């Protein structure tokens, strides 16, 4: 039978004045509340310790990753220095050695991704203005006309069709193969 000493002790004090007993009971209740708060604080401390442990584990993994990267870079540097040493000693490296060095360099260096191009139109458009080009925007900047007289679009922005400057004056420009065939077709 597990009984708390505090309870048994207070039970033996029945002969004391009631105000004293009431005060002792109040102290005991406050102490029990303090135990509950201490348990809460202990639980919070455990949660914080677990969080710190997770952070340490993540940092350790990151350091291991960095360590592996450094090893790979050291290996690449060693291969490069060995390659440079053979070039200096013989004058010209062998084809197999060049291919191995090129393959190692290609494997070690990831290719950068191609940039994503996004066109953003910040100009306010007026509904009464005619629309041109494949972008269906109003006329602005340098534009070029399709040499097909029956082209439904007719005018195009240089940037939208991939032009940097105007073609030569005696050269005809068509927006697509369909317009080229249509314009060159015998009437």
N, C-alpha and C. Protein backbone atom coordinates (compact mmCIF):
# COMPACT_ATOMS: atom_id res chain seq x y z
N UNK A 1 0.85 -1.17 0.00
CA UNK A 1 0.00 0.00 0.00
C UNK A 1 0.89 1.23 0.00
N UNK A 2 0.79 1.99 -1.09
CA UNK A 2 1.59 3.20 -1.25
C UNK A 2 0.78 4.40 -0.80
N UNK A 3 1.15 4.96 0.29
CA UNK A 3 0.50 6.18 0.75
C UNK A 3 1.55 7.25 0.92
N UNK A 4 1.16 8.45 0.62
CA UNK A 4 2.09 9.57 0.73
C UNK A 4 2.24 9.96 2.21
N UNK A 5 3.43 10.19 2.62
CA UNK A 5 3.72 10.52 4.01
C UNK A 5 3.02 11.82 4.39
N UNK A 6 2.88 12.72 3.44
CA UNK A 6 2.25 14.00 3.74
C UNK A 6 0.80 13.82 4.20
N UNK A 7 0.08 12.90 3.55
CA UNK A 7 -1.32 12.67 3.93
C UNK A 7 -1.42 12.03 5.32
N UNK A 8 -0.60 11.06 5.56
CA UNK A 8 -0.66 10.39 6.87
C UNK A 8 -0.26 11.34 7.98
N UNK A 9 0.71 12.22 7.68
CA UNK A 9 1.13 13.18 8.70
C UNK A 9 0.00 14.15 9.04
N UNK A 10 -0.70 14.66 8.02
CA UNK A 10 -1.79 15.60 8.28
C UNK A 10 -2.96 14.94 9.00
N UNK A 11 -3.17 13.67 8.76
CA UNK A 11 -4.25 12.97 9.45
C UNK A 11 -3.97 12.86 10.95
N UNK A 12 -2.74 12.85 11.36
CA UNK A 12 -2.40 12.74 12.78
C UNK A 12 -2.51 14.07 13.51
N UNK A 13 -2.75 15.15 12.79
CA UNK A 13 -2.80 16.48 13.39
C UNK A 13 -4.24 16.92 13.71
N UNK A 14 -5.16 16.00 13.87
CA UNK A 14 -6.56 16.33 14.13
C UNK A 14 -6.74 17.10 15.44
N UNK A 15 -5.86 16.95 16.38
CA UNK A 15 -6.00 17.59 17.67
C UNK A 15 -5.56 19.05 17.67
N UNK A 16 -4.93 19.52 16.56
CA UNK A 16 -4.49 20.91 16.45
C UNK A 16 -5.68 21.81 16.11
N UNK A 17 -5.53 23.10 16.31
CA UNK A 17 -6.62 24.02 15.98
C UNK A 17 -6.98 23.95 14.50
N UNK A 18 -8.24 24.18 14.21
CA UNK A 18 -8.75 24.02 12.85
C UNK A 18 -8.10 25.01 11.87
N UNK A 19 -7.77 26.21 12.29
CA UNK A 19 -7.12 27.17 11.40
C UNK A 19 -5.73 26.68 10.98
N UNK A 20 -5.02 26.07 11.89
CA UNK A 20 -3.70 25.53 11.59
C UNK A 20 -3.81 24.36 10.61
N UNK A 21 -4.79 23.49 10.88
CA UNK A 21 -4.98 22.33 9.98
C UNK A 21 -5.38 22.83 8.58
N UNK A 22 -6.28 23.85 8.52
CA UNK A 22 -6.69 24.40 7.23
C UNK A 22 -5.47 24.99 6.51
N UNK A 23 -4.61 25.66 7.17
CA UNK A 23 -3.39 26.23 6.59
C UNK A 23 -2.47 25.14 6.06
N UNK A 24 -2.34 24.05 6.82
CA UNK A 24 -1.49 22.93 6.37
C UNK A 24 -2.07 22.27 5.12
N UNK A 25 -3.41 22.12 5.11
CA UNK A 25 -4.04 21.54 3.92
C UNK A 25 -3.84 22.46 2.70
N UNK A 26 -3.94 23.78 2.90
CA UNK A 26 -3.72 24.73 1.81
C UNK A 26 -2.29 24.62 1.30
N UNK A 27 -1.34 24.54 2.21
CA UNK A 27 0.07 24.37 1.80
C UNK A 27 0.27 23.10 1.00
N UNK A 28 -0.38 22.02 1.45
CA UNK A 28 -0.25 20.75 0.75
C UNK A 28 -0.84 20.85 -0.65
N UNK A 29 -2.02 21.53 -0.77
CA UNK A 29 -2.63 21.70 -2.09
C UNK A 29 -1.75 22.51 -3.02
N UNK A 30 -1.14 23.56 -2.47
CA UNK A 30 -0.23 24.38 -3.29
C UNK A 30 0.98 23.58 -3.74
N UNK A 31 1.45 22.73 -2.87
CA UNK A 31 2.60 21.89 -3.20
C UNK A 31 2.25 20.90 -4.31
N UNK A 32 1.01 20.35 -4.25
CA UNK A 32 0.58 19.43 -5.30
C UNK A 32 0.48 20.15 -6.64
N UNK A 33 -0.05 21.40 -6.62
CA UNK A 33 -0.13 22.17 -7.86
C UNK A 33 1.27 22.46 -8.39
N UNK A 34 2.19 22.72 -7.48
CA UNK A 34 3.57 22.96 -7.89
C UNK A 34 4.15 21.71 -8.54
N UNK A 35 3.80 20.53 -8.03
CA UNK A 35 4.26 19.28 -8.64
C UNK A 35 3.72 19.15 -10.05
N UNK A 36 2.45 19.53 -10.26
CA UNK A 36 1.87 19.45 -11.59
C UNK A 36 2.58 20.42 -12.54
N UNK A 37 2.87 21.64 -12.04
CA UNK A 37 3.59 22.60 -12.87
C UNK A 37 5.01 22.12 -13.16
N UNK A 38 5.63 21.51 -12.18
CA UNK A 38 6.97 20.98 -12.38
C UNK A 38 6.94 19.88 -13.44
N UNK A 39 5.88 19.04 -13.41
CA UNK A 39 5.75 18.00 -14.44
C UNK A 39 5.59 18.63 -15.80
N UNK A 40 4.79 19.71 -15.89
CA UNK A 40 4.60 20.40 -17.16
C UNK A 40 5.93 20.97 -17.65
N UNK A 41 6.66 21.61 -16.74
CA UNK A 41 7.96 22.18 -17.10
C UNK A 41 8.92 21.08 -17.53
N UNK A 42 8.88 19.95 -16.83
CA UNK A 42 9.72 18.82 -17.21
C UNK A 42 9.37 18.31 -18.60
N UNK A 43 8.09 18.23 -18.90
CA UNK A 43 7.66 17.78 -20.23
C UNK A 43 8.12 18.75 -21.30
N UNK A 44 8.01 20.05 -21.02
CA UNK A 44 8.48 21.04 -21.98
C UNK A 44 9.99 20.94 -22.18
N UNK A 45 10.71 20.68 -21.10
CA UNK A 45 12.16 20.53 -21.20
C UNK A 45 12.51 19.31 -22.05
N UNK A 46 11.74 18.24 -21.91
CA UNK A 46 11.98 17.03 -22.72
C UNK A 46 11.71 17.34 -24.19
N UNK A 47 10.61 18.07 -24.46
CA UNK A 47 10.30 18.43 -25.85
C UNK A 47 11.41 19.29 -26.44
N UNK A 48 11.89 20.24 -25.67
CA UNK A 48 12.97 21.11 -26.15
C UNK A 48 14.24 20.30 -26.41
N UNK A 49 14.53 19.36 -25.52
CA UNK A 49 15.71 18.51 -25.70
C UNK A 49 15.58 17.66 -26.97
N UNK A 50 14.37 17.15 -27.22
CA UNK A 50 14.15 16.36 -28.43
C UNK A 50 14.31 17.23 -29.68
N UNK A 51 13.81 18.45 -29.59
CA UNK A 51 13.96 19.37 -30.72
C UNK A 51 15.43 19.66 -30.99
N UNK A 52 16.18 19.93 -29.94
CA UNK A 52 17.62 20.19 -30.10
C UNK A 52 18.34 18.96 -30.64
N UNK A 53 17.91 17.80 -30.22
CA UNK A 53 18.51 16.56 -30.72
C UNK A 53 18.26 16.42 -32.23
N UNK A 54 17.03 16.75 -32.68
CA UNK A 54 16.72 16.70 -34.11
C UNK A 54 17.57 17.70 -34.88
N UNK A 55 17.72 18.91 -34.33
CA UNK A 55 18.55 19.91 -35.00
C UNK A 55 20.00 19.46 -35.11
N UNK A 56 20.50 18.88 -34.04
CA UNK A 56 21.88 18.37 -34.06
C UNK A 56 22.04 17.26 -35.10
N UNK A 57 21.05 16.38 -35.18
CA UNK A 57 21.10 15.29 -36.16
C UNK A 57 21.10 15.85 -37.58
N UNK A 58 20.24 16.84 -37.83
CA UNK A 58 20.20 17.45 -39.16
C UNK A 58 21.52 18.15 -39.48
N UNK A 59 22.07 18.84 -38.51
CA UNK A 59 23.35 19.52 -38.74
C UNK A 59 24.47 18.51 -38.99
N UNK A 60 24.44 17.42 -38.24
CA UNK A 60 25.44 16.37 -38.44
C UNK A 60 25.32 15.79 -39.85
N UNK A 61 24.09 15.56 -40.32
CA UNK A 61 23.88 15.05 -41.67
C UNK A 61 24.39 16.04 -42.71
N UNK A 62 24.12 17.33 -42.47
CA UNK A 62 24.58 18.35 -43.39
C UNK A 62 26.11 18.38 -43.43
N UNK A 63 26.74 18.26 -42.26
CA UNK A 63 28.20 18.24 -42.21
C UNK A 63 28.76 17.02 -42.93
N UNK A 64 28.09 15.88 -42.78
CA UNK A 64 28.54 14.68 -43.49
C UNK A 64 28.43 14.88 -45.00
N UNK A 65 27.35 15.51 -45.43
CA UNK A 65 27.18 15.81 -46.85
C UNK A 65 28.30 16.73 -47.33
N UNK A 66 28.59 17.78 -46.56
CA UNK A 66 29.66 18.70 -46.92
C UNK A 66 31.01 17.99 -46.97
N UNK A 67 31.21 17.08 -46.02
CA UNK A 67 32.46 16.31 -45.97
C UNK A 67 32.61 15.47 -47.24
N UNK A 68 31.51 14.83 -47.66
CA UNK A 68 31.53 14.02 -48.88
C UNK A 68 31.80 14.90 -50.10
N UNK A 69 31.17 16.08 -50.13
CA UNK A 69 31.42 17.01 -51.24
C UNK A 69 32.90 17.40 -51.29
N UNK A 70 33.48 17.67 -50.14
CA UNK A 70 34.90 18.05 -50.09
C UNK A 70 35.78 16.91 -50.58
N UNK A 71 35.43 15.67 -50.20
CA UNK A 71 36.20 14.52 -50.68
C UNK A 71 36.13 14.43 -52.21
N UNK A 72 34.91 14.61 -52.76
CA UNK A 72 34.75 14.54 -54.21
C UNK A 72 35.55 15.65 -54.90
N UNK A 73 35.51 16.85 -54.32
CA UNK A 73 36.27 17.95 -54.91
C UNK A 73 37.77 17.68 -54.83
N UNK A 74 38.22 17.08 -53.73
CA UNK A 74 39.64 16.75 -53.61
C UNK A 74 40.03 15.70 -54.65
N UNK A 75 39.13 14.75 -54.90
CA UNK A 75 39.42 13.73 -55.92
C UNK A 75 39.48 14.37 -57.30
N UNK A 76 38.59 15.28 -57.59
CA UNK A 76 38.61 15.97 -58.88
C UNK A 76 39.90 16.77 -59.02
N UNK A 77 40.28 17.45 -57.95
CA UNK A 77 41.51 18.24 -58.00
C UNK A 77 42.73 17.33 -58.21
N UNK A 78 42.75 16.19 -57.53
CA UNK A 78 43.87 15.26 -57.69
C UNK A 78 43.94 14.75 -59.12
N UNK A 79 42.76 14.41 -59.70
CA UNK A 79 42.75 13.96 -61.10
C UNK A 79 43.23 15.06 -62.03
N UNK A 80 42.83 16.29 -61.74
CA UNK A 80 43.24 17.41 -62.57
C UNK A 80 44.75 17.63 -62.47
N UNK A 81 45.27 17.60 -61.24
CA UNK A 81 46.71 17.80 -61.06
C UNK A 81 47.50 16.66 -61.71
N UNK A 82 46.97 15.45 -61.63
CA UNK A 82 47.65 14.33 -62.30
C UNK A 82 47.62 14.53 -63.81
N UNK A 83 46.50 14.99 -64.31
CA UNK A 83 46.37 15.26 -65.74
C UNK A 83 47.33 16.36 -66.16
N UNK A 84 47.39 17.43 -65.39
CA UNK A 84 48.31 18.53 -65.69
C UNK A 84 49.76 18.05 -65.65
N UNK A 85 50.07 17.17 -64.71
CA UNK A 85 51.43 16.64 -64.61
C UNK A 85 51.81 15.83 -65.83
N UNK A 86 50.89 15.06 -66.37
CA UNK A 86 51.19 14.27 -67.57
C UNK A 86 51.32 15.18 -68.78
N UNK A 87 50.57 16.27 -68.81
CA UNK A 87 50.66 17.21 -69.93
C UNK A 87 52.02 17.87 -69.94
N UNK A 88 52.48 18.29 -68.78
CA UNK A 88 53.78 18.96 -68.71
C UNK A 88 54.93 18.01 -68.99
N UNK A 89 54.80 16.75 -68.54
CA UNK A 89 55.92 15.82 -68.73
C UNK A 89 56.01 15.32 -70.16
N UNK A 90 54.88 15.13 -70.82
CA UNK A 90 54.92 14.57 -72.17
C UNK A 90 54.64 15.60 -73.25
N UNK A 91 54.14 16.72 -72.86
CA UNK A 91 53.84 17.74 -73.86
C UNK A 91 52.40 17.67 -74.31
N UNK A 92 51.92 16.48 -74.67
CA UNK A 92 50.56 16.32 -75.14
C UNK A 92 49.97 15.07 -74.48
N UNK A 93 48.79 15.18 -73.85
CA UNK A 93 48.21 14.02 -73.19
C UNK A 93 47.67 13.01 -74.20
N UNK A 94 47.61 11.78 -73.75
CA UNK A 94 47.06 10.75 -74.62
C UNK A 94 45.56 10.95 -74.76
N UNK A 95 45.01 10.39 -75.81
CA UNK A 95 43.58 10.54 -76.08
C UNK A 95 42.74 9.90 -74.97
N UNK A 96 43.14 8.74 -74.50
CA UNK A 96 42.39 8.05 -73.45
C UNK A 96 42.40 8.87 -72.16
N UNK A 97 43.53 9.48 -71.85
CA UNK A 97 43.64 10.30 -70.64
C UNK A 97 42.75 11.54 -70.75
N UNK A 98 42.74 12.15 -71.94
CA UNK A 98 41.87 13.31 -72.15
C UNK A 98 40.41 12.93 -72.01
N UNK A 99 40.03 11.79 -72.58
CA UNK A 99 38.63 11.35 -72.49
C UNK A 99 38.25 11.04 -71.05
N UNK A 100 39.14 10.39 -70.29
CA UNK A 100 38.86 10.10 -68.88
C UNK A 100 38.70 11.39 -68.08
N UNK A 101 39.58 12.35 -68.34
CA UNK A 101 39.49 13.62 -67.61
C UNK A 101 38.22 14.37 -67.98
N UNK A 102 37.86 14.33 -69.26
CA UNK A 102 36.64 15.00 -69.70
C UNK A 102 35.42 14.33 -69.10
N UNK A 103 35.39 13.01 -69.09
CA UNK A 103 34.25 12.28 -68.51
C UNK A 103 34.16 12.53 -67.01
N UNK A 104 35.29 12.56 -66.33
CA UNK A 104 35.29 12.82 -64.89
C UNK A 104 34.80 14.23 -64.60
N UNK A 105 35.23 15.18 -65.40
CA UNK A 105 34.80 16.57 -65.20
C UNK A 105 33.31 16.71 -65.48
N UNK A 106 32.81 16.02 -66.51
CA UNK A 106 31.39 16.10 -66.83
C UNK A 106 30.54 15.45 -65.74
N UNK A 107 31.04 14.37 -65.17
CA UNK A 107 30.29 13.70 -64.11
C UNK A 107 30.31 14.51 -62.82
N UNK A 108 31.41 15.20 -62.56
CA UNK A 108 31.54 15.93 -61.30
C UNK A 108 30.77 17.24 -61.31
N UNK A 109 30.66 17.88 -62.47
CA UNK A 109 30.01 19.18 -62.54
C UNK A 109 28.62 19.04 -63.15
N UNK A 110 27.58 19.31 -62.36
CA UNK A 110 26.24 19.26 -62.93
C UNK A 110 26.02 20.45 -63.86
N UNK A 111 25.27 20.23 -64.92
CA UNK A 111 24.99 21.29 -65.87
C UNK A 111 23.93 22.22 -65.27
N UNK A 112 24.12 23.51 -65.43
CA UNK A 112 23.11 24.44 -64.89
C UNK A 112 21.81 24.30 -65.67
N UNK A 113 20.69 24.41 -65.00
CA UNK A 113 19.42 24.29 -65.71
C UNK A 113 19.22 25.48 -66.64
N UNK A 114 18.49 25.27 -67.72
CA UNK A 114 18.21 26.36 -68.64
C UNK A 114 17.28 27.34 -67.96
N UNK A 115 17.52 28.62 -68.14
CA UNK A 115 16.68 29.61 -67.45
C UNK A 115 15.26 29.61 -68.01
N UNK A 116 14.34 29.87 -67.14
CA UNK A 116 12.94 29.94 -67.49
C UNK A 116 12.62 31.36 -67.89
N UNK A 117 12.09 31.55 -69.11
CA UNK A 117 11.78 32.89 -69.58
C UNK A 117 10.28 33.11 -69.45
N UNK A 118 9.93 34.20 -68.79
CA UNK A 118 8.53 34.54 -68.60
C UNK A 118 8.33 35.96 -69.12
N UNK A 119 7.32 36.12 -69.95
CA UNK A 119 7.02 37.44 -70.48
C UNK A 119 5.91 38.05 -69.63
N UNK A 120 6.16 39.24 -69.12
CA UNK A 120 5.18 39.94 -68.30
C UNK A 120 4.85 41.24 -69.00
N UNK A 121 3.58 41.46 -69.24
CA UNK A 121 3.13 42.66 -69.90
C UNK A 121 2.64 43.63 -68.83
N UNK A 122 3.37 44.72 -68.63
CA UNK A 122 3.01 45.70 -67.62
C UNK A 122 2.31 46.92 -68.20
N UNK A 123 2.15 46.96 -69.51
CA UNK A 123 1.50 48.11 -70.14
C UNK A 123 -0.01 47.95 -70.07
N UNK A 124 -0.71 49.01 -69.71
CA UNK A 124 -2.17 48.93 -69.75
C UNK A 124 -2.62 48.90 -71.20
N UNK A 125 -3.58 48.10 -71.50
CA UNK A 125 -4.05 48.00 -72.88
C UNK A 125 -5.40 48.68 -73.02
N UNK A 126 -5.56 49.31 -74.17
CA UNK A 126 -6.85 49.92 -74.47
C UNK A 126 -7.61 48.96 -75.37
N UNK A 127 -8.87 48.71 -75.07
CA UNK A 127 -9.63 47.73 -75.84
C UNK A 127 -9.83 48.13 -77.30
N UNK A 128 -9.76 49.44 -77.63
CA UNK A 128 -10.01 49.85 -79.01
C UNK A 128 -8.77 49.69 -79.90
N UNK A 129 -7.59 49.47 -79.33
CA UNK A 129 -6.39 49.29 -80.14
C UNK A 129 -6.39 47.91 -80.78
N UNK A 130 -5.93 47.83 -82.04
CA UNK A 130 -5.87 46.51 -82.69
C UNK A 130 -4.77 45.66 -82.08
N UNK A 131 -4.97 44.35 -82.13
CA UNK A 131 -4.02 43.38 -81.56
C UNK A 131 -3.21 42.75 -82.68
N UNK A 132 -1.90 42.53 -82.40
CA UNK A 132 -0.99 41.96 -83.37
C UNK A 132 -0.23 40.80 -82.74
N UNK A 133 0.58 40.16 -83.54
CA UNK A 133 1.59 39.20 -83.08
C UNK A 133 0.96 37.93 -82.50
N UNK A 134 1.81 36.97 -82.19
CA UNK A 134 1.37 35.72 -81.57
C UNK A 134 1.00 35.94 -80.11
N UNK A 135 1.50 37.04 -79.52
CA UNK A 135 1.20 37.34 -78.12
C UNK A 135 -0.15 38.05 -77.99
N UNK A 136 -0.75 38.45 -79.08
CA UNK A 136 -2.05 39.14 -79.11
C UNK A 136 -2.00 40.43 -78.30
N UNK A 137 -0.91 41.18 -78.47
CA UNK A 137 -0.73 42.44 -77.76
C UNK A 137 -0.83 43.59 -78.75
N UNK A 138 -0.85 44.81 -78.23
CA UNK A 138 -0.92 46.00 -79.07
C UNK A 138 0.44 46.28 -79.69
N UNK A 139 0.48 47.23 -80.61
CA UNK A 139 1.72 47.58 -81.28
C UNK A 139 2.62 48.36 -80.34
N UNK A 140 3.86 47.91 -80.20
CA UNK A 140 4.87 48.63 -79.42
C UNK A 140 6.24 48.15 -79.86
N UNK A 141 7.22 49.01 -79.75
CA UNK A 141 8.60 48.64 -80.07
C UNK A 141 8.78 48.28 -81.53
N UNK A 142 9.89 47.61 -81.82
CA UNK A 142 10.21 47.21 -83.19
C UNK A 142 9.33 46.04 -83.59
N UNK A 143 8.73 46.16 -84.79
CA UNK A 143 7.85 45.11 -85.29
C UNK A 143 8.20 44.82 -86.73
N UNK A 144 7.83 43.63 -87.18
CA UNK A 144 8.10 43.21 -88.55
C UNK A 144 6.80 42.68 -89.14
N UNK A 145 6.62 42.91 -90.45
CA UNK A 145 5.41 42.45 -91.13
C UNK A 145 5.73 41.18 -91.90
N UNK A 146 4.78 40.27 -91.90
CA UNK A 146 4.92 39.06 -92.69
C UNK A 146 4.72 39.45 -94.15
N UNK A 147 5.56 38.93 -95.05
CA UNK A 147 5.48 39.28 -96.47
C UNK A 147 4.36 38.56 -97.20
N UNK A 148 3.60 37.74 -96.50
CA UNK A 148 2.41 37.13 -97.08
C UNK A 148 1.28 38.14 -96.94
N UNK A 149 0.72 38.57 -98.06
CA UNK A 149 -0.34 39.59 -98.03
C UNK A 149 -1.61 39.08 -97.37
N UNK A 150 -1.78 37.75 -97.32
CA UNK A 150 -2.99 37.18 -96.71
C UNK A 150 -2.75 36.65 -95.29
N UNK A 151 -1.67 37.05 -94.67
CA UNK A 151 -1.36 36.60 -93.30
C UNK A 151 -2.41 37.15 -92.35
N UNK A 152 -3.02 36.29 -91.54
CA UNK A 152 -4.08 36.77 -90.63
C UNK A 152 -3.53 37.67 -89.50
N UNK A 153 -2.30 37.49 -89.12
CA UNK A 153 -1.75 38.26 -88.01
C UNK A 153 -1.05 39.52 -88.52
N UNK A 154 -0.31 39.42 -89.58
CA UNK A 154 0.36 40.49 -90.30
C UNK A 154 1.59 41.05 -89.60
N UNK A 155 1.49 41.61 -88.39
CA UNK A 155 2.61 42.25 -87.71
C UNK A 155 3.03 41.44 -86.47
N UNK A 156 4.37 41.45 -86.24
CA UNK A 156 4.93 40.67 -85.12
C UNK A 156 6.00 41.48 -84.40
N UNK A 157 6.06 41.34 -83.07
CA UNK A 157 7.12 41.96 -82.28
C UNK A 157 8.41 41.17 -82.50
N UNK A 158 9.52 41.86 -82.60
CA UNK A 158 10.81 41.19 -82.83
C UNK A 158 11.07 40.11 -81.76
N UNK A 159 10.89 40.46 -80.50
CA UNK A 159 11.17 39.53 -79.41
C UNK A 159 10.30 38.28 -79.46
N UNK A 160 9.07 38.43 -79.91
CA UNK A 160 8.15 37.29 -79.94
C UNK A 160 8.52 36.27 -81.01
N UNK A 161 9.14 36.73 -82.10
CA UNK A 161 9.52 35.80 -83.17
C UNK A 161 11.02 35.52 -83.18
N UNK A 162 11.74 35.99 -82.17
CA UNK A 162 13.15 35.65 -82.02
C UNK A 162 14.09 36.48 -82.88
N UNK A 163 13.69 37.66 -83.31
CA UNK A 163 14.57 38.52 -84.10
C UNK A 163 15.23 39.56 -83.21
N UNK A 164 16.47 39.87 -83.50
CA UNK A 164 17.18 40.93 -82.78
C UNK A 164 17.24 42.21 -83.61
N UNK A 165 17.28 42.05 -84.95
CA UNK A 165 17.31 43.20 -85.84
C UNK A 165 16.57 42.84 -87.12
N UNK A 166 16.32 43.83 -87.92
CA UNK A 166 15.54 43.63 -89.15
C UNK A 166 16.33 42.81 -90.16
N UNK A 167 15.63 41.98 -90.94
CA UNK A 167 16.34 41.26 -92.01
C UNK A 167 16.74 42.23 -93.12
N UNK A 168 17.58 41.78 -94.02
CA UNK A 168 18.04 42.63 -95.12
C UNK A 168 16.84 43.10 -95.95
N UNK A 169 16.95 44.31 -96.50
CA UNK A 169 15.79 44.88 -97.22
C UNK A 169 15.30 44.04 -98.40
N UNK A 170 16.18 43.38 -99.13
CA UNK A 170 15.75 42.59 -100.28
C UNK A 170 15.33 41.17 -99.91
N UNK A 171 15.41 40.83 -98.64
CA UNK A 171 15.07 39.49 -98.14
C UNK A 171 13.63 39.49 -97.66
N UNK A 172 12.85 38.50 -98.06
CA UNK A 172 11.46 38.38 -97.62
C UNK A 172 11.43 37.61 -96.29
N UNK A 173 10.48 37.99 -95.42
CA UNK A 173 10.33 37.33 -94.12
C UNK A 173 8.91 36.84 -93.97
N UNK A 174 8.77 35.56 -93.60
CA UNK A 174 7.45 34.97 -93.38
C UNK A 174 7.37 34.48 -91.94
N UNK A 175 6.20 34.61 -91.37
CA UNK A 175 6.03 34.24 -89.96
C UNK A 175 5.99 32.74 -89.76
N UNK A 176 5.57 31.98 -90.77
CA UNK A 176 5.48 30.52 -90.63
C UNK A 176 5.58 29.87 -92.01
N UNK A 177 5.71 28.57 -92.02
CA UNK A 177 5.79 27.83 -93.29
C UNK A 177 4.50 27.94 -94.08
N UNK A 178 3.39 27.98 -93.39
CA UNK A 178 2.10 28.09 -94.07
C UNK A 178 2.03 29.38 -94.88
N UNK A 179 2.46 30.50 -94.28
CA UNK A 179 2.47 31.78 -94.98
C UNK A 179 3.48 31.76 -96.13
N UNK A 180 4.62 31.11 -95.94
CA UNK A 180 5.63 31.01 -97.01
C UNK A 180 5.05 30.26 -98.21
N UNK A 181 4.39 29.11 -97.94
CA UNK A 181 3.80 28.32 -99.04
C UNK A 181 2.68 29.11 -99.72
N UNK A 182 1.87 29.78 -98.92
CA UNK A 182 0.76 30.54 -99.45
C UNK A 182 1.24 31.71 -100.32
N UNK A 183 2.30 32.37 -99.92
CA UNK A 183 2.81 33.52 -100.67
C UNK A 183 3.56 33.09 -101.93
N UNK A 184 4.23 31.95 -101.89
CA UNK A 184 5.02 31.52 -103.05
C UNK A 184 4.21 30.65 -104.00
N UNK A 185 2.99 30.30 -103.61
CA UNK A 185 2.13 29.48 -104.47
C UNK A 185 1.75 30.26 -105.71
N UNK A 186 1.81 29.60 -106.87
CA UNK A 186 1.46 30.27 -108.14
C UNK A 186 -0.03 30.54 -108.16
N UNK A 187 -0.35 31.69 -108.66
CA UNK A 187 -1.76 32.10 -108.69
C UNK A 187 -2.46 31.60 -109.90
